[in-house]
Protein backbone atom coordinates (compact mmCIF):
# COMPACT_ATOMS: atom_id res chain seq x y z
CA MET A 1 -32.51 -46.80 -13.01
CA PRO A 2 -31.74 -43.07 -12.43
CA GLY A 3 -28.70 -42.13 -10.38
CA TYR A 4 -26.55 -45.12 -11.27
CA ILE A 5 -23.96 -43.02 -13.14
CA PRO A 6 -21.56 -41.35 -10.67
CA ARG A 7 -21.26 -37.55 -10.91
CA PRO A 8 -17.53 -37.09 -10.08
CA ASP A 9 -15.48 -37.55 -13.25
CA GLY A 10 -13.00 -39.96 -11.67
CA ASP A 11 -15.75 -42.19 -10.35
CA PHE A 12 -17.57 -41.98 -13.68
CA ASN A 13 -14.41 -43.07 -15.52
CA SER A 14 -14.02 -46.12 -13.26
CA TRP A 15 -17.68 -46.99 -13.67
CA LEU A 16 -17.46 -46.72 -17.47
CA VAL A 17 -14.39 -48.99 -17.71
CA ASN A 18 -16.14 -51.61 -15.58
CA PHE A 19 -19.38 -51.36 -17.56
CA VAL A 20 -17.75 -51.76 -20.96
CA THR A 21 -15.39 -54.53 -19.82
CA TYR A 22 -18.12 -56.59 -18.22
CA ALA A 23 -20.63 -56.07 -21.02
CA ASN A 24 -18.13 -57.09 -23.73
CA ALA A 25 -17.12 -60.16 -21.73
CA ASN A 26 -20.72 -61.27 -21.23
CA LEU A 27 -22.54 -60.33 -24.41
CA ALA A 28 -24.41 -63.61 -24.88
CA ALA A 29 -25.45 -63.87 -21.23
CA LEU A 30 -26.75 -60.33 -21.37
CA GLY A 31 -28.63 -60.93 -24.61
CA LEU A 32 -26.39 -58.53 -26.54
CA VAL A 33 -24.33 -58.64 -29.70
CA ALA A 34 -21.11 -56.76 -30.43
CA GLY A 35 -22.95 -54.15 -32.47
CA ASP A 36 -24.98 -53.13 -29.41
CA MET A 37 -21.80 -51.93 -27.73
CA THR A 38 -20.46 -50.03 -30.74
CA PRO A 39 -22.03 -46.62 -29.83
CA VAL A 40 -20.86 -47.01 -26.25
CA THR A 41 -17.26 -47.88 -27.11
CA ALA A 42 -17.11 -45.07 -29.69
CA ALA A 43 -18.27 -42.58 -27.06
CA GLN A 44 -15.78 -44.09 -24.62
CA THR A 45 -12.96 -43.46 -27.09
CA THR A 46 -13.86 -39.75 -27.20
CA TRP A 47 -14.08 -39.65 -23.42
CA ASN A 48 -10.71 -41.38 -23.03
CA ALA A 49 -9.11 -38.51 -24.97
CA ALA A 50 -11.02 -35.66 -23.31
CA PHE A 51 -10.82 -36.73 -19.67
CA PRO A 52 -6.99 -36.87 -19.32
CA ALA A 53 -6.71 -33.60 -21.23
CA HIS A 54 -9.07 -31.98 -18.73
CA VAL A 55 -7.13 -33.38 -15.75
CA ALA A 56 -3.87 -32.06 -17.19
CA ALA A 57 -5.38 -28.64 -17.91
CA ALA A 58 -6.77 -28.39 -14.37
CA ALA A 59 -3.36 -29.27 -12.93
CA ASN A 60 -1.71 -26.67 -15.16
CA ALA A 61 -4.29 -24.06 -14.16
CA LEU A 62 -3.66 -24.73 -10.45
CA SER A 63 0.07 -24.46 -10.97
CA ALA A 64 -0.38 -21.24 -12.96
CA ARG A 65 -2.60 -19.72 -10.26
CA GLN A 66 -0.10 -20.59 -7.54
CA GLY A 67 2.63 -18.99 -9.60
CA LYS A 68 0.51 -15.90 -10.17
CA ASP A 69 -0.29 -15.59 -6.45
CA ALA A 70 3.39 -15.91 -5.52
CA ALA A 71 4.33 -13.29 -8.11
CA ARG A 72 1.70 -10.87 -6.78
CA THR A 73 2.95 -11.35 -3.22
CA GLY A 74 6.44 -10.53 -4.44
CA VAL A 75 5.24 -7.35 -6.16
CA GLU A 76 3.29 -6.18 -3.11
CA SER A 77 6.26 -6.86 -0.81
CA ALA A 78 8.45 -4.73 -3.06
CA VAL A 79 5.91 -1.92 -3.54
CA ARG A 80 4.71 -1.37 0.04
CA PRO A 81 8.01 -0.13 1.53
CA LEU A 82 8.41 2.29 -1.38
CA VAL A 83 4.86 3.58 -0.93
CA ARG A 84 5.51 4.14 2.77
CA ARG A 85 8.51 6.28 1.83
CA LEU A 86 6.43 8.26 -0.66
CA GLN A 87 3.62 8.75 1.85
CA ALA A 88 6.04 10.09 4.45
CA SER A 89 7.90 12.36 2.04
CA ALA A 90 7.10 16.06 2.19
CA ALA A 91 8.54 16.36 -1.33
CA VAL A 92 5.71 14.29 -2.82
CA SER A 93 2.53 16.31 -3.29
CA ALA A 94 -1.01 15.07 -2.83
CA ALA A 95 -1.52 15.38 -6.60
CA GLU A 96 1.50 13.20 -7.26
CA LYS A 97 0.28 10.60 -4.79
CA ALA A 98 -3.10 10.60 -6.50
CA SER A 99 -1.41 10.18 -9.88
CA LEU A 100 0.49 7.17 -8.51
CA GLY A 101 -2.79 5.65 -7.36
CA ILE A 102 -1.82 5.52 -3.69
CA THR A 103 -3.77 6.77 -0.69
CA VAL A 104 -3.76 10.52 -0.17
CA PRO A 105 -3.92 11.13 3.61
CA ASP A 106 -6.68 13.45 4.81
CA THR A 107 -4.79 16.08 6.77
CA SER A 108 -7.72 18.45 7.19
CA GLY A 109 -9.62 16.21 9.59
CA THR A 110 -13.39 16.07 9.91
CA PRO A 111 -14.53 18.19 12.86
CA VAL A 112 -16.78 16.48 15.39
CA GLY A 113 -19.91 18.53 15.92
CA PRO A 114 -21.54 19.10 19.30
CA PRO A 115 -23.62 16.17 20.63
CA THR A 116 -27.20 16.17 19.41
CA THR A 117 -28.45 13.11 21.30
CA HIS A 118 -28.60 12.42 25.02
CA PRO A 119 -27.86 9.47 27.30
CA VAL A 120 -30.59 7.06 28.35
CA ILE A 121 -30.19 6.07 32.02
CA SER A 122 -30.97 2.94 34.00
CA VAL A 123 -29.95 2.53 37.65
CA GLU A 124 -29.14 -0.78 39.32
CA THR A 125 -29.89 -0.76 43.08
CA LYS A 126 -28.96 -4.26 44.27
CA ALA A 127 -26.23 -3.24 46.71
CA ARG A 128 -26.64 -1.27 49.96
CA LEU A 129 -25.58 2.41 49.70
CA GLU A 130 -24.54 1.86 46.09
CA HIS A 131 -25.96 2.58 42.65
CA THR A 132 -24.66 1.22 39.35
CA ILE A 133 -25.53 3.68 36.59
CA HIS A 134 -25.90 2.28 33.09
CA PHE A 135 -26.22 4.55 30.10
CA SER A 136 -26.71 4.25 26.33
CA ASP A 137 -27.48 6.71 23.57
CA SER A 138 -31.00 7.89 22.80
CA ALA A 139 -30.44 7.13 19.10
CA THR A 140 -29.34 3.54 19.83
CA PRO A 141 -30.78 2.72 23.27
CA THR A 142 -30.23 -1.04 22.96
CA LYS A 143 -26.48 -0.68 22.40
CA LYS A 144 -23.75 0.22 24.90
CA ALA A 145 -21.59 2.13 22.44
CA LYS A 146 -21.15 5.89 22.80
CA PRO A 147 -21.98 8.07 19.79
CA ALA A 148 -19.06 8.65 17.43
CA GLY A 149 -16.72 11.38 18.61
CA MET A 150 -17.91 11.32 22.23
CA LEU A 151 -15.40 11.31 25.08
CA GLY A 152 -17.97 10.16 27.62
CA ALA A 153 -21.02 11.04 29.68
CA GLU A 154 -21.13 13.60 32.49
CA ILE A 155 -23.00 12.21 35.50
CA TRP A 156 -24.81 14.61 37.84
CA VAL A 157 -26.81 13.74 40.97
CA ASN A 158 -29.17 15.32 43.50
CA VAL A 159 -29.97 13.33 46.68
CA LEU A 160 -33.26 14.28 48.36
CA PRO A 161 -35.61 12.76 50.92
CA VAL A 162 -38.32 10.50 49.55
CA GLY A 163 -41.41 12.59 48.82
CA ASP A 164 -39.52 15.73 47.81
CA PRO A 165 -40.30 16.94 44.26
CA THR A 166 -38.04 15.70 41.51
CA PRO A 167 -35.63 18.54 40.61
CA THR A 168 -35.94 19.88 37.09
CA ASP A 169 -33.18 22.51 36.91
CA PRO A 170 -29.72 21.08 36.03
CA ALA A 171 -28.26 23.81 38.26
CA ASP A 172 -29.64 21.91 41.25
CA PHE A 173 -27.52 18.85 40.52
CA THR A 174 -23.95 18.10 41.64
CA PHE A 175 -21.29 16.86 39.23
CA VAL A 176 -20.16 13.29 39.95
CA ALA A 177 -17.85 12.19 37.14
CA LEU A 178 -17.12 12.13 33.43
CA ASP A 179 -17.43 8.43 32.65
CA THR A 180 -15.96 7.18 29.38
CA ARG A 181 -17.59 3.77 29.52
CA THR A 182 -20.83 2.41 30.97
CA PRO A 183 -21.54 1.49 33.75
CA TYR A 184 -20.47 3.77 36.59
CA THR A 185 -20.71 2.78 40.27
CA LEU A 186 -21.52 5.48 42.83
CA ASP A 187 -21.19 4.93 46.61
CA PHE A 188 -23.18 6.90 49.18
CA PRO A 189 -22.54 7.75 52.83
CA GLY A 190 -24.70 6.07 55.48
CA PRO A 191 -27.02 9.05 56.09
CA ASP A 192 -28.15 8.93 52.43
CA GLY A 193 -29.67 5.47 52.89
CA GLY A 194 -33.38 5.47 52.19
CA LYS A 195 -33.26 8.71 50.20
CA ASN A 196 -33.82 9.17 46.48
CA ALA A 197 -30.95 9.85 44.10
CA HIS A 198 -31.97 11.82 41.02
CA TYR A 199 -29.65 11.65 38.00
CA VAL A 200 -29.15 13.63 34.80
CA LEU A 201 -26.45 12.91 32.21
CA ARG A 202 -25.15 14.55 29.06
CA TRP A 203 -22.60 13.64 26.41
CA VAL A 204 -19.27 15.44 26.07
CA ASN A 205 -17.33 15.16 22.80
CA THR A 206 -13.57 14.97 22.36
CA THR A 207 -13.32 18.75 21.98
CA GLY A 208 -15.23 19.42 25.20
CA GLU A 209 -18.58 20.38 23.67
CA LYS A 210 -21.59 19.26 25.69
CA GLY A 211 -24.89 17.87 24.48
CA PRO A 212 -28.48 18.12 25.73
CA TRP A 213 -29.46 16.81 29.16
CA SER A 214 -31.03 13.40 29.58
CA GLU A 215 -34.37 12.75 31.18
CA THR A 216 -34.14 12.57 34.99
CA ALA A 217 -33.77 9.07 36.40
CA THR A 218 -34.63 8.42 40.04
CA ALA A 219 -33.70 5.48 42.28
CA THR A 220 -33.88 4.89 46.03
CA ILE A 221 -30.58 4.38 47.87
CA GLY A 222 -30.62 1.09 49.77
CA ALA A 223 -30.08 1.62 53.49
């Protein structure tokens, strides 16, 4: 019958002791003679020497690993304060830090280039005289995150009567805000109700450089 021998060593050892004990005590009833058990008991003798040795070695290995881990923690706790001193010291050159195998701070900085992508706009119009402007990046339109190095998005608007042509010149729009995180809520005065609000946005990076304009987004202002 397959599967009758347990896989865990401890369970296997208990099973083997029971098997040999019962078989030797009931040879005649089982139709066996002592010689039938000889190969089994010989193998059991080898097992009885190997199994405890393995258990002891595993315990020793666990103890050794715990000791090693504790020793490493001690070394790191001693090294880190010294490394912080070396990192902060003007007397230690970058070459010396590299020779020690510790981090060499990048003091040059990587300049952030001007924005090359543009915001993608969607306007929520559920509330009266209010628009909620959501924006994402044209390179990752399904994510809310700004492009790396961007301070935020400039929001510009032009409110016109329904039926007037959509403005195409950014000079015709009025600056609203520099929003650092989507969304942005814009309130309108009562007379603007029923008109169209046209929006264009552009990214501004942390050094003030501006990117290309977005496509124009248009939404009616609820009266």
